[in-house]
Protein backbone atom coordinates (compact mmCIF):
# COMPACT_ATOMS: atom_id res chain seq x y z
CA MET A 1 62.36 111.91 -2.74
CA LYS A 2 60.59 115.31 -3.17
CA GLY A 3 62.80 118.38 -3.70
CA MET A 4 60.85 119.98 -0.80
CA VAL A 5 62.86 118.01 1.59
CA PHE A 6 66.25 118.97 0.05
CA VAL A 7 65.16 122.65 -0.02
CA GLU A 8 64.16 122.54 3.64
CA LEU A 9 67.57 120.72 4.68
CA PHE A 10 69.33 123.72 2.98
CA ARG A 11 67.24 126.16 4.93
CA MET A 12 67.75 124.47 7.97
CA ALA A 13 71.78 124.24 7.41
CA GLU A 14 71.86 128.00 6.72
CA THR A 15 70.56 128.78 10.09
CA VAL A 16 73.69 127.49 11.56
CA MET A 17 76.30 128.02 8.79
CA SER A 18 77.02 130.38 6.21
CA GLU A 19 75.77 130.04 2.61
CA GLU A 20 79.23 129.80 1.55
CA ASP A 21 80.12 126.94 3.80
CA LEU A 22 76.96 125.22 2.59
CA ASP A 23 77.98 125.92 -1.09
CA ASN A 24 81.51 124.37 -0.16
CA ILE A 25 79.86 121.21 0.85
CA ILE A 26 77.79 120.96 -2.04
CA ASP A 27 80.61 121.50 -4.26
CA HIS A 28 82.63 118.54 -2.58
CA ILE A 29 79.99 115.95 -2.92
CA ASP A 30 79.12 113.81 -5.91
CA LEU A 31 75.54 114.86 -6.66
CA SER A 32 73.49 114.20 -9.89
CA THR A 33 72.08 117.71 -9.62
CA ASP A 34 75.27 119.51 -8.34
CA GLY A 35 73.02 120.57 -5.64
CA ALA A 36 70.30 122.15 -7.38
CA TYR A 37 66.92 121.06 -6.30
CA THR A 38 63.46 122.35 -6.93
CA SER A 39 60.54 121.86 -4.40
CA VAL A 40 58.56 119.76 -6.91
CA GLY A 41 61.39 117.73 -8.44
CA ASN A 42 62.20 114.02 -7.41
CA TYR A 43 65.63 113.17 -6.39
CA PRO A 44 67.55 110.19 -4.92
CA CYS A 45 67.35 109.63 -1.24
CA SER A 46 71.03 108.64 -1.42
CA GLU A 47 71.81 112.37 -2.30
CA LEU A 48 70.00 113.53 0.82
CA ILE A 49 71.89 111.15 3.05
CA LYS A 50 75.32 112.33 1.46
CA LEU A 51 74.24 115.89 2.38
CA VAL A 52 73.19 115.08 5.83
CA VAL A 53 76.45 113.19 6.42
CA ALA A 54 78.61 116.14 5.06
CA ILE A 55 76.59 118.69 6.88
CA GLY A 56 76.95 116.60 10.09
CA ASP A 57 80.75 116.32 9.59
CA GLN A 58 80.90 120.04 9.03
CA LEU A 59 78.81 120.76 12.32
CA ASN A 60 80.60 117.88 14.15
CA ILE A 61 76.90 116.37 14.79
CA PRO A 62 76.34 112.64 14.29
CA VAL A 63 73.96 111.74 11.49
CA THR A 64 71.38 110.36 13.66
CA ALA A 65 71.25 113.58 15.77
CA LEU A 66 71.14 115.75 12.60
CA GLN A 67 68.32 113.48 11.02
CA THR A 68 66.37 113.93 14.36
CA LYS A 69 66.99 117.70 14.21
CA PHE A 70 65.90 117.79 10.81
CA GLY A 71 62.77 115.95 11.43
CA HIS A 72 61.76 118.65 13.95
CA TRP A 73 62.38 121.21 11.55
CA MET A 74 60.25 119.53 8.79
CA PHE A 75 57.39 119.00 11.28
CA SER A 76 57.32 122.86 11.87
CA ARG A 77 57.25 123.47 8.09
CA PHE A 78 54.45 120.92 7.70
CA VAL A 79 52.54 122.89 10.47
CA ASP A 80 53.21 126.14 8.71
CA GLY A 81 52.48 125.09 5.17
CA TYR A 82 49.77 122.61 5.63
CA PRO A 83 47.45 123.71 8.57
CA GLU A 84 44.52 121.91 7.29
CA PHE A 85 46.18 118.66 8.23
CA PHE A 86 46.03 119.50 11.85
CA GLU A 87 42.41 120.80 11.96
CA GLY A 88 40.30 118.79 14.12
CA LYS A 89 43.17 116.83 15.87
CA GLN A 90 43.04 117.14 19.58
CA ASN A 91 46.47 115.48 20.43
CA ALA A 92 49.70 113.96 19.02
CA PHE A 93 48.11 110.43 18.88
CA GLU A 94 45.28 111.50 16.41
CA MET A 95 47.75 113.54 14.14
CA LEU A 96 50.15 110.31 14.06
CA GLU A 97 47.28 108.10 13.46
CA ALA A 98 46.16 110.17 10.60
CA ILE A 99 49.35 110.26 8.61
CA GLU A 100 48.72 107.17 6.54
CA ASN A 101 45.13 107.24 5.71
CA GLU A 102 44.67 111.18 5.38
CA VAL A 103 47.81 113.06 5.23
CA HIS A 104 49.38 110.62 2.64
CA VAL A 105 46.27 110.43 0.61
CA GLU A 106 46.41 114.11 0.06
CA VAL A 107 50.03 114.29 -0.49
CA LEU A 108 49.46 111.79 -3.40
CA LYS A 109 46.54 113.93 -4.90
CA LEU A 110 49.19 116.82 -4.97
CA TYR A 111 52.14 114.68 -5.97
CA PRO A 112 51.25 111.37 -7.60
CA ASP A 113 54.70 110.27 -8.19
CA ALA A 114 55.59 110.72 -4.49
CA GLU A 115 57.21 107.68 -3.04
CA LEU A 116 55.87 107.43 0.51
CA PRO A 117 56.87 105.45 3.42
CA THR A 118 54.17 103.51 5.13
CA PHE A 119 53.05 104.05 8.75
CA SER A 120 50.79 101.72 10.84
CA THR A 121 49.56 102.65 14.42
CA GLN A 122 48.12 100.81 17.09
CA ARG A 123 46.95 102.12 20.50
CA PHE A 124 47.76 100.29 23.80
CA SER A 125 47.45 100.76 27.60
CA GLY A 126 44.04 101.75 27.29
CA GLY A 127 44.75 104.78 24.96
CA ALA A 128 47.75 106.14 26.93
CA GLY A 129 50.22 104.64 24.43
CA LEU A 130 50.62 104.49 20.55
CA LYS A 131 52.95 102.20 18.78
CA MET A 132 53.79 103.51 15.44
CA THR A 133 55.77 101.65 12.72
CA TYR A 134 57.78 103.19 9.93
CA SER A 135 58.74 101.14 7.05
CA SER A 136 60.51 102.38 3.92
CA ASP A 137 63.50 101.68 1.58
CA ARG A 138 64.95 105.01 2.98
CA PRO A 139 67.20 104.79 6.08
CA LEU A 140 65.42 107.76 7.77
CA ASN A 141 64.36 106.14 11.23
CA HIS A 142 65.87 109.02 13.28
CA PHE A 143 64.33 111.63 10.76
CA CYS A 144 60.89 109.94 11.69
CA LEU A 145 61.71 110.19 15.38
CA GLY A 146 62.25 114.01 14.92
CA LEU A 147 58.90 114.30 13.35
CA ILE A 148 57.25 112.24 16.12
CA GLU A 149 59.08 114.41 18.73
CA GLY A 150 57.98 117.45 16.99
CA CYS A 151 54.22 116.37 16.76
CA VAL A 152 54.36 115.66 20.44
CA GLU A 153 55.67 119.00 21.30
CA HIS A 154 53.36 120.72 18.90
CA PHE A 155 50.36 119.31 20.95
CA ASP A 156 52.05 120.33 24.23
CA ARG A 157 51.32 117.15 25.94
CA PRO A 158 54.59 115.39 27.39
CA ALA A 159 55.10 111.86 26.11
CA GLU A 160 57.94 109.31 26.55
CA ILE A 161 59.16 108.11 23.01
CA LYS A 162 61.26 104.93 22.43
CA MET A 163 62.54 103.85 19.12
CA ARG A 164 63.70 100.51 18.12
CA ASP A 165 65.29 99.62 14.91
CA CYS A 166 63.80 96.71 13.24
CA SER A 167 65.53 97.13 9.89
CA GLU A 168 66.50 93.97 7.89
CA ASP A 169 67.36 93.08 4.32
CA GLY A 170 67.90 96.49 3.02
CA ARG A 171 64.39 97.36 4.18
CA CYS A 172 64.21 100.11 6.94
CA ARG A 173 61.79 99.71 9.66
CA ALA A 174 61.40 101.31 13.12
CA GLU A 175 58.95 100.84 15.95
CA PHE A 176 58.17 104.05 18.05
CA MET A 177 56.61 103.39 21.33
CA ILE A 178 54.97 106.74 22.59
CA GLU A 179 53.38 106.90 25.93
CA TRP A 180 51.99 110.00 27.63
CA ALA A 181 54.00 111.18 30.46
CA LYS A 182 52.40 110.40 33.80
């Protein structure tokens, strides 16, 4: 997993806790890096999960809720850092449909060693709905939910989002049904 994700988790955590509290959390977790991450490095996702669990425990927030909140945070960082990905996109559905074949293609140009999840999309209900499927070895279904919610909020068109966990045999998979609000 790219170090940028770890760096942003720390930035988000520091908005609700002191740097000292975060350092204390890091000091009490067995991390291969001792909590030192660079934006361009690659690190085990298991360390991200350990950090999310520990931060959630410190803040008394369930892991799934913290992952969702972090997804919102990361979406806003993507908007700020990569505005070109959003150019020409009229709504959240267009943006979500562009992740696999546009955004990930560009990410791999910048970071050829990135291990990306896969996303598939399918429109339904005459274009008023979108099914998006996340598939990965990483247990980040709720992080994806937060990214999707952040995307919907960014384009300022209300939608109902339902997530169904379809994980099995160690492979994480989630289906998101997104429908424009009526």
